[in-house]
Amino acid sequence: MKGKQMKMKMKLSRVIIILMVTVVAVLFVCMVAEAGPKAVRIDRFEAIDQLGPNDYDLETLRIDDPENPFVSIYVTHIIGTGFQFSDPSNTSIACRLTGDIPLDKDGNQIINKSTNHDIAHFSKSIGTKEMKISRAYDQGKNVLIYNVYTTKLLGGSLKHSLSVVPLGKPLAP
């Protein structure tokens, strides 16, 4: 009887260890997983919460649109400091035309005009919240529209911000 209990405890210990390793691996992947282009840190500075217990850093990132490299996307977001499992969802975005728009042999702009296209996302908490950047195109005004927004697995409110990049004169319909 004692040998049987010992074997059961050993099996249970192995299962618990496997589960713990799996959970840690999943959390690590969720925290460092980023899709899309590489973000370049432009600035990071401390923003102190005067009336509360939390201190935060504001970080400004630059992401170049991978399919329209003549557009640079600047995002500022809050990073919690200390022992916090989730960063606040507030974000800000500004996009600028930072290069020449390529032209085809007929003089037409070469632009990726895909809409509802997520071009980047970043983890904001341990597997439950993400900051995403999407792109759309307004053909009537010939502008690219970039949205930064946060998603949360359960509950929460959607936080978002928008920026528009004019690409020259509106195109004929």
Protein backbone atom coordinates (compact mmCIF):
# COMPACT_ATOMS: atom_id res chain seq x y z
CA MET A 1 0.00 0.00 0.00
CA LYS A 2 2.81 2.36 0.91
CA GLY A 3 4.57 1.72 -2.43
CA LYS A 4 1.37 2.45 -4.36
CA GLN A 5 0.90 5.78 -2.55
CA MET A 6 4.51 6.70 -3.25
CA LYS A 7 4.06 6.01 -6.99
CA MET A 8 0.89 8.13 -7.03
CA LYS A 9 2.69 11.01 -5.31
CA MET A 10 5.56 10.78 -7.83
CA LYS A 11 3.14 10.83 -10.77
CA LEU A 12 1.26 13.77 -9.26
CA SER A 13 4.55 15.62 -8.69
CA ARG A 14 5.53 15.12 -12.35
CA VAL A 15 2.14 16.37 -13.56
CA ILE A 16 2.38 19.44 -11.34
CA ILE A 17 5.92 20.19 -12.57
CA ILE A 18 4.85 19.79 -16.21
CA LEU A 19 1.87 22.10 -15.64
CA MET A 20 4.01 24.72 -13.93
CA VAL A 21 6.61 24.66 -16.72
CA THR A 22 3.83 24.93 -19.33
CA VAL A 23 2.20 27.89 -17.56
CA VAL A 24 5.53 29.71 -17.21
CA ALA A 25 6.35 29.08 -20.88
CA VAL A 26 2.93 30.35 -22.03
CA LEU A 27 3.21 33.46 -19.85
CA PHE A 28 6.71 34.14 -21.17
CA VAL A 29 5.57 33.82 -24.78
CA CYS A 30 2.56 36.08 -24.13
CA MET A 31 4.72 38.75 -22.52
CA VAL A 32 7.42 38.89 -25.20
CA ALA A 33 5.41 37.98 -28.27
CA GLU A 34 5.16 40.83 -30.71
CA ALA A 35 3.95 40.61 -34.24
CA GLY A 36 4.88 42.83 -37.10
CA PRO A 37 7.57 45.42 -37.37
CA LYS A 38 10.19 46.17 -34.77
CA ALA A 39 9.44 49.10 -32.49
CA VAL A 40 12.23 51.57 -31.83
CA ARG A 41 12.18 53.24 -28.42
CA ILE A 42 12.43 57.00 -28.88
CA ASP A 43 11.96 58.08 -25.26
CA ARG A 44 10.93 56.85 -21.83
CA PHE A 45 10.36 59.05 -18.81
CA GLU A 46 8.79 58.83 -15.38
CA ALA A 47 5.28 60.18 -14.77
CA ILE A 48 4.56 60.18 -11.04
CA ASP A 49 1.02 59.66 -9.74
CA GLN A 50 0.90 62.53 -7.21
CA LEU A 51 -2.22 61.37 -5.34
CA GLY A 52 -1.94 57.61 -5.61
CA PRO A 53 0.45 54.77 -4.92
CA ASN A 54 1.36 54.08 -8.56
CA ASP A 55 4.26 55.41 -10.57
CA TYR A 56 4.29 54.99 -14.31
CA ASP A 57 6.68 55.50 -17.17
CA LEU A 58 5.59 56.97 -20.48
CA GLU A 59 7.29 55.33 -23.42
CA THR A 60 7.33 56.66 -26.98
CA LEU A 61 7.91 54.12 -29.75
CA ARG A 62 8.38 54.48 -33.49
CA ILE A 63 7.06 51.77 -35.76
CA ASP A 64 7.56 52.10 -39.50
CA ASP A 65 4.65 50.70 -41.50
CA PRO A 66 6.18 47.55 -43.01
CA GLU A 67 4.10 47.80 -46.19
CA ASN A 68 4.25 51.60 -46.53
CA PRO A 69 7.77 52.38 -45.26
CA PHE A 70 7.33 56.08 -46.04
CA VAL A 71 5.00 56.34 -42.99
CA SER A 72 6.32 56.41 -39.41
CA ILE A 73 3.94 55.68 -36.55
CA TYR A 74 4.67 57.21 -33.15
CA VAL A 75 2.89 55.71 -30.15
CA THR A 76 3.11 56.80 -26.53
CA HIS A 77 1.84 54.36 -23.94
CA ILE A 78 1.99 53.90 -20.20
CA ILE A 79 4.18 51.29 -18.58
CA GLY A 80 3.53 50.44 -14.94
CA THR A 81 6.58 50.33 -12.73
CA GLY A 82 6.96 48.22 -9.65
CA PHE A 83 4.99 45.04 -9.08
CA GLN A 84 2.02 45.35 -11.42
CA PHE A 85 0.52 42.68 -13.64
CA SER A 86 -1.16 45.03 -16.09
CA ASP A 87 -0.33 48.36 -17.68
CA PRO A 88 -2.99 51.04 -18.14
CA SER A 89 -4.62 51.04 -21.56
CA ASN A 90 -4.24 54.72 -22.43
CA THR A 91 -2.32 55.29 -25.64
CA SER A 92 -1.66 58.11 -28.06
CA ILE A 93 -0.68 57.97 -31.73
CA ALA A 94 0.74 60.37 -34.30
CA CYS A 95 1.70 59.32 -37.82
CA ARG A 96 3.77 61.22 -40.34
CA LEU A 97 4.90 60.92 -43.92
CA THR A 98 8.66 60.53 -43.39
CA GLY A 99 9.74 59.44 -46.86
CA ASP A 100 8.88 59.74 -50.52
CA ILE A 101 5.88 57.81 -51.79
CA PRO A 102 7.08 55.52 -54.59
CA LEU A 103 5.51 55.94 -58.03
CA ASP A 104 4.93 53.38 -60.75
CA LYS A 105 5.97 53.97 -64.39
CA ASP A 106 2.70 55.87 -65.02
CA GLY A 107 3.25 58.22 -62.08
CA ASN A 108 0.65 56.57 -59.81
CA GLN A 109 1.42 56.21 -56.10
CA ILE A 110 2.37 52.73 -54.92
CA ILE A 111 0.52 52.37 -51.61
CA ASN A 112 -0.67 49.34 -49.68
CA LYS A 113 -4.36 50.20 -49.33
CA SER A 114 -5.52 47.18 -47.37
CA THR A 115 -8.06 48.07 -44.71
CA ASN A 116 -8.67 46.65 -41.25
CA HIS A 117 -5.12 45.42 -41.33
CA ASP A 118 -3.33 44.93 -38.00
CA ILE A 119 0.28 45.89 -38.57
CA ALA A 120 1.62 45.46 -35.02
CA HIS A 121 0.63 44.31 -31.56
CA PHE A 122 2.32 44.37 -28.17
CA SER A 123 1.54 42.65 -24.89
CA LYS A 124 0.38 45.01 -22.12
CA SER A 125 -0.14 42.40 -19.40
CA ILE A 126 0.37 38.74 -18.67
CA GLY A 127 -1.55 37.30 -21.59
CA THR A 128 -4.79 39.25 -21.16
CA LYS A 129 -4.29 42.70 -22.70
CA GLU A 130 -2.74 43.82 -25.98
CA MET A 131 -2.03 47.11 -27.70
CA LYS A 132 -2.66 46.86 -31.44
CA ILE A 133 -2.06 49.17 -34.38
CA SER A 134 -4.24 48.88 -37.48
CA ARG A 135 -4.29 50.64 -40.83
CA ALA A 136 -7.15 51.62 -43.16
CA TYR A 137 -7.30 53.65 -46.37
CA ASP A 138 -9.79 56.37 -47.33
CA GLN A 139 -9.75 56.37 -51.14
CA GLY A 140 -11.96 59.45 -51.47
CA LYS A 141 -9.49 61.64 -49.56
CA ASN A 142 -6.33 59.64 -50.39
CA VAL A 143 -5.28 59.21 -46.77
CA LEU A 144 -3.99 56.36 -44.66
CA ILE A 145 -5.70 56.03 -41.27
CA TYR A 146 -3.91 54.46 -38.33
CA ASN A 147 -5.62 53.37 -35.10
CA VAL A 148 -3.97 52.30 -31.88
CA TYR A 149 -6.23 50.42 -29.49
CA THR A 150 -6.09 48.04 -26.59
CA THR A 151 -7.95 44.79 -26.19
CA LYS A 152 -8.60 42.88 -23.02
CA LEU A 153 -9.48 39.19 -22.78
CA LEU A 154 -12.21 39.71 -20.17
CA GLY A 155 -14.11 42.90 -19.44
CA GLY A 156 -12.47 46.28 -19.57
CA SER A 157 -13.14 49.13 -21.91
CA LEU A 158 -11.68 49.69 -25.34
CA LYS A 159 -9.22 52.59 -25.40
CA HIS A 160 -8.22 53.95 -28.78
CA SER A 161 -6.64 56.83 -30.65
CA LEU A 162 -6.47 57.74 -34.36
CA SER A 163 -4.08 59.50 -36.73
CA VAL A 164 -4.38 60.27 -40.45
CA VAL A 165 -1.59 60.61 -43.03
CA PRO A 166 -2.49 62.62 -46.16
CA LEU A 167 -0.89 61.24 -49.31
CA GLY A 168 -1.44 64.22 -51.58
CA LYS A 169 -4.44 65.39 -53.56
CA PRO A 170 -7.61 63.28 -53.36
CA LEU A 171 -7.80 60.74 -56.12
CA ALA A 172 -10.50 60.78 -58.79
CA PRO A 173 -13.35 58.33 -57.97
